Protein backbone atom coordinates (compact mmCIF):
# COMPACT_ATOMS: atom_id res chain seq x y z
CA UNK A 1 107.82 173.82 70.03
CA UNK A 2 105.98 175.04 67.13
CA UNK A 3 103.26 172.96 65.83
CA UNK A 4 104.40 170.22 63.50
CA UNK A 5 101.46 170.16 61.24
CA UNK A 6 102.34 173.32 59.15
CA UNK A 7 104.08 173.37 56.04
CA UNK A 8 107.59 174.15 57.11
CA UNK A 9 109.06 171.04 55.95
CA UNK A 10 107.75 171.37 52.31
CA UNK A 11 110.33 173.91 50.93
CA UNK A 12 113.14 171.44 52.37
CA UNK A 13 111.17 168.20 51.07
CA UNK A 14 110.93 169.77 47.65
CA UNK A 15 114.65 170.04 47.34
CA UNK A 16 115.15 166.29 48.18
CA UNK A 17 115.99 164.33 45.29
CA UNK A 18 113.42 161.25 45.38
CA UNK A 19 114.56 158.04 44.48
CA UNK A 20 113.51 156.80 41.05
CA UNK A 21 113.41 152.84 40.23
CA UNK A 22 115.61 151.06 40.33
CA UNK A 23 117.47 152.92 43.32
CA UNK A 24 120.85 151.13 43.93
CA UNK A 25 123.10 151.63 46.86
CA UNK A 26 126.06 153.79 46.52
CA UNK A 27 129.46 153.46 48.60
CA UNK A 28 131.48 156.70 48.72
CA UNK A 29 134.83 155.88 47.33
CA UNK A 30 137.81 158.06 46.55
CA UNK A 31 138.95 158.13 43.08
CA UNK A 32 142.38 158.32 42.00
CA UNK A 33 143.84 160.66 39.54
CA UNK A 34 146.13 159.21 36.76
CA UNK A 35 150.03 159.95 37.79
CA UNK A 36 152.20 160.70 35.02
CA UNK A 37 154.55 158.08 34.13
CA UNK A 38 157.72 159.54 35.68
CA UNK A 39 160.17 157.60 37.67
CA UNK A 40 160.38 160.79 39.88
CA UNK A 41 156.55 160.79 40.52
CA UNK A 42 155.32 160.86 44.13
CA UNK A 43 153.88 157.79 45.33
CA UNK A 44 151.36 159.36 47.47
CA UNK A 45 149.90 161.49 44.71
CA UNK A 46 149.31 158.42 42.45
CA UNK A 47 147.79 156.42 45.11
CA UNK A 48 145.42 158.91 46.15
CA UNK A 49 143.01 157.86 49.20
CA UNK A 50 143.12 154.22 50.00
CA UNK A 51 139.59 152.31 49.41
CA UNK A 52 138.09 151.07 52.48
CA UNK A 53 138.13 147.29 53.00
CA UNK A 54 135.14 145.35 51.79
CA UNK A 55 132.50 144.74 54.48
CA UNK A 56 131.56 141.43 56.04
CA UNK A 57 128.10 140.44 53.91
CA UNK A 58 126.81 138.91 57.37
CA UNK A 59 127.14 141.95 59.46
CA UNK A 60 125.08 145.13 59.81
CA UNK A 61 127.10 148.02 58.88
CA UNK A 62 126.66 150.68 61.44
CA UNK A 63 127.85 154.43 61.04
CA UNK A 64 130.65 155.53 63.35
CA UNK A 65 128.51 158.31 64.78
CA UNK A 66 126.14 155.50 66.23
CA UNK A 67 128.63 154.35 68.74
CA UNK A 68 127.33 154.51 71.97
CA UNK A 69 123.70 154.24 70.75
CA UNK A 70 122.06 152.19 73.46
CA UNK A 71 119.97 150.38 70.56
CA UNK A 72 123.15 148.66 69.94
CA UNK A 73 123.23 146.54 73.03
CA UNK A 74 120.10 144.65 71.67
CA UNK A 75 121.57 143.62 68.68
CA UNK A 76 123.21 140.06 69.89
CA UNK A 77 122.52 137.69 66.81
CA UNK A 78 124.23 139.29 64.05
CA UNK A 79 127.77 141.22 64.09
CA UNK A 80 128.42 144.75 63.74
CA UNK A 81 130.73 146.64 61.66
CA UNK A 82 131.48 150.33 62.22
CA UNK A 83 132.12 152.32 58.96
CA UNK A 84 132.66 155.68 58.06
CA UNK A 85 132.11 155.39 54.42
CA UNK A 86 128.43 154.92 54.56
CA UNK A 87 125.48 157.66 54.67
CA UNK A 88 122.75 156.08 56.47
CA UNK A 89 122.87 154.81 60.01
CA UNK A 90 122.45 151.36 59.51
CA UNK A 91 122.89 149.08 56.17
CA UNK A 92 121.22 145.90 56.46
CA UNK A 93 121.31 144.67 53.02
CA UNK A 94 122.95 145.35 49.63
CA UNK A 95 119.81 147.46 48.86
CA UNK A 96 118.58 148.14 52.38
CA UNK A 97 119.33 150.81 54.77
CA UNK A 98 117.85 152.18 58.10
CA UNK A 99 117.76 156.04 59.47
CA UNK A 100 117.51 156.28 62.99
CA UNK A 101 115.44 159.11 64.69
CA UNK A 102 114.64 159.53 68.50
CA UNK A 103 111.39 161.78 68.83
CA UNK A 104 112.88 163.40 71.46
CA UNK A 105 115.90 164.60 68.99
CA UNK A 106 113.37 165.34 66.52
CA UNK A 107 111.51 167.72 68.36
CA UNK A 108 114.57 169.70 69.55
CA UNK A 109 116.01 169.51 65.70
CA UNK A 110 112.86 169.25 63.31
CA UNK A 111 115.15 170.04 60.44
CA UNK A 112 117.52 167.11 61.03
CA UNK A 113 115.69 164.43 59.22
CA UNK A 114 115.18 166.47 55.95
CA UNK A 115 118.92 167.06 55.88
CA UNK A 116 119.86 163.37 56.37
CA UNK A 117 117.19 162.50 53.40
CA UNK A 118 118.96 165.06 51.28
CA UNK A 119 122.25 163.53 51.75
CA UNK A 120 120.98 160.07 51.35
CA UNK A 121 119.56 161.11 47.66
CA UNK A 122 118.54 157.98 45.65
CA UNK A 123 120.33 155.54 47.55
CA UNK A 124 118.89 152.02 48.37
CA UNK A 125 115.33 150.63 47.50
CA UNK A 126 114.15 149.87 51.08
CA UNK A 127 114.58 152.97 53.03
CA UNK A 128 113.51 152.39 56.64
CA UNK A 129 112.96 155.41 59.10
CA UNK A 130 113.25 153.83 62.50
CA UNK A 131 111.58 156.06 65.04
CA UNK A 132 112.06 155.69 68.72
CA UNK A 133 108.93 157.03 70.42
CA UNK A 134 110.51 158.46 73.78
CA UNK A 135 108.46 161.53 74.53
CA UNK A 136 104.96 161.47 76.32
CA UNK A 137 102.93 163.27 73.41
CA UNK A 138 104.26 161.86 70.33
CA UNK A 139 101.09 162.38 67.93
CA UNK A 140 102.03 165.65 66.03
CA UNK A 141 105.53 164.46 65.50
CA UNK A 142 104.76 161.23 64.31
CA UNK A 143 102.10 162.77 62.00
CA UNK A 144 104.69 165.06 60.46
CA UNK A 145 107.01 162.02 60.07
CA UNK A 146 104.40 160.09 58.56
CA UNK A 147 104.24 162.75 56.02
CA UNK A 148 107.79 163.00 55.28
CA UNK A 149 108.02 159.30 54.87
CA UNK A 150 105.37 159.20 52.21
CA UNK A 151 106.77 161.67 50.39
CA UNK A 152 110.35 160.45 50.65
CA UNK A 153 109.74 156.85 49.92
CA UNK A 154 110.47 155.74 53.43
CA UNK A 155 109.09 152.93 55.50
CA UNK A 156 108.40 154.15 59.00
CA UNK A 157 108.95 151.50 61.99
CA UNK A 158 108.02 152.62 65.62
CA UNK A 159 110.10 151.21 68.46
CA UNK A 160 108.96 152.14 72.09
CA UNK A 161 112.35 151.43 73.72
CA UNK A 162 115.86 151.09 72.91
CA UNK A 163 115.73 147.35 73.13
CA UNK A 164 112.94 147.20 70.50
CA UNK A 165 114.63 149.60 67.96
CA UNK A 166 117.66 147.21 68.10
CA UNK A 167 115.63 143.90 67.47
CA UNK A 168 114.11 145.70 64.60
CA UNK A 169 117.43 146.16 62.98
CA UNK A 170 118.59 142.94 63.91
CA UNK A 171 115.35 141.22 62.39
CA UNK A 172 115.68 143.22 59.03
CA UNK A 173 119.12 141.81 58.74
CA UNK A 174 118.20 138.25 59.58
CA UNK A 175 115.63 138.32 56.93
CA UNK A 176 117.67 139.87 54.23
CA UNK A 177 117.80 136.80 52.02
CA UNK A 178 114.63 135.13 53.44
CA UNK A 179 111.78 134.54 51.15
CA UNK A 180 108.71 136.51 51.84
CA UNK A 181 106.33 133.82 52.41
CA UNK A 182 108.06 133.34 55.72
CA UNK A 183 106.19 136.59 56.85
CA UNK A 184 103.22 135.99 55.14
CA UNK A 185 99.77 134.22 56.49
CA UNK A 186 100.02 130.71 56.42
CA UNK A 187 97.15 128.76 54.93
CA UNK A 188 96.16 125.65 56.58
CA UNK A 189 96.23 122.45 54.36
CA UNK A 190 94.89 120.02 57.25
CA UNK A 191 91.36 119.92 56.78
CA UNK A 192 90.36 119.73 60.38
CA UNK A 193 92.26 123.05 60.96
CA UNK A 194 90.53 124.59 57.98
CA UNK A 195 87.33 123.67 59.73
CA UNK A 196 88.50 125.15 63.15
CA UNK A 197 89.49 128.42 61.40
CA UNK A 198 86.03 128.58 59.44
CA UNK A 199 84.21 128.23 62.77
CA UNK A 200 86.15 130.75 64.64
CA UNK A 201 85.21 133.17 61.75
CA UNK A 202 81.84 132.94 63.37
CA UNK A 203 81.55 135.56 66.25
CA UNK A 204 81.66 134.89 69.19
CA UNK A 205 82.91 131.29 68.49
CA UNK A 206 86.63 131.32 69.34
CA UNK A 207 89.33 128.55 68.73
CA UNK A 208 88.61 126.51 71.92
CA UNK A 209 84.77 126.55 71.06
CA UNK A 210 85.60 125.22 67.47
CA UNK A 211 87.96 122.64 68.67
CA UNK A 212 85.43 121.30 71.62
CA UNK A 213 82.67 121.21 69.24
CA UNK A 214 84.57 118.99 66.49
CA UNK A 215 85.73 116.66 69.41
CA UNK A 216 82.12 116.24 70.22
CA UNK A 217 80.42 116.10 67.02
CA UNK A 218 83.25 114.42 64.78
CA UNK A 219 82.61 116.23 61.52
CA UNK A 220 80.85 119.18 59.93
CA UNK A 221 77.64 116.95 59.09
CA UNK A 222 76.78 116.04 62.37
CA UNK A 223 77.42 119.38 63.59
CA UNK A 224 74.62 121.02 61.23
CA UNK A 225 72.36 118.36 62.17
CA UNK A 226 72.71 119.18 65.70
CA UNK A 227 69.88 121.23 67.16
CA UNK A 228 70.06 124.57 68.63
CA UNK A 229 69.39 122.90 72.24
CA UNK A 230 72.20 120.30 71.77
CA UNK A 231 74.57 123.19 70.81
CA UNK A 232 73.71 124.82 74.07
CA UNK A 233 74.85 122.04 76.11
CA UNK A 234 78.32 121.80 74.80
CA UNK A 235 80.83 123.23 77.71
CA UNK A 236 81.96 126.74 77.22
CA UNK A 237 79.21 127.45 74.31
CA UNK A 238 76.25 128.60 76.17
CA UNK A 239 72.60 129.70 74.65
CA UNK A 240 74.15 133.02 72.97
CA UNK A 241 76.95 131.07 71.06
CA UNK A 242 74.89 128.44 70.09
CA UNK A 243 72.07 130.50 68.78
CA UNK A 244 74.52 132.13 66.47
CA UNK A 245 76.41 129.04 65.64
CA UNK A 246 73.13 127.18 64.39
CA UNK A 247 71.82 130.37 62.89
CA UNK A 248 74.89 130.67 60.74
CA UNK A 249 74.84 126.94 59.81
CA UNK A 250 71.39 127.15 58.55
CA UNK A 251 71.53 130.49 56.44
CA UNK A 252 71.00 129.82 52.72
CA UNK A 253 74.30 130.30 50.92
CA UNK A 254 72.71 132.19 48.02
CA UNK A 255 70.32 135.02 48.56
CA UNK A 256 67.10 134.48 46.75
């Protein structure tokens, strides 16, 4: 296979219609032509192609071409609904979709992802490229896909096996309507926990050390007043950690 570090994708990427805000999902539906008002008109010509049935909002919409993909076996906590009228491989929300790509397949068909992006156009706000890393040397291919993701407004997610890929799809659907603070770092409100977190910022003091220290000294004032020799006597702390902790606690907060 040729090196994917070259500019072979540039011409194809240049022709892709990049998304512009706001992007809205589109569902392919057939439009009917107005039939002439006549009692002899054919019913079939007036009706056109029937609309697909509405989807279940709680389901992951799966393109029919994904049938048989092993990753589906790992999606156990949300229902699946197979559709022919969607362009992405998976729709996990009103404005969220996923394109699935195996690195092994990408190495054999490097133009495939560009063709898929061209078909996707401006659809969907969150566009995830889910890549299953199934080759022993993935670095060049991933470098190329990273560049494509940046240019085409994609969020690239890596899975190292089919089970992990399925769980990623499932998680996106489960968190579709969850508030963002569920995945944000939680700030401890308990003063004791705040002090433990502060002490663990002093390397090499770990969380176990911090909890032990506070159990022995009770509060920050007693800890600050303790000598370096007394700190070294704390079980699990030792001279090296005690020296670093003592030095940190007695350093001036403001430099002169």
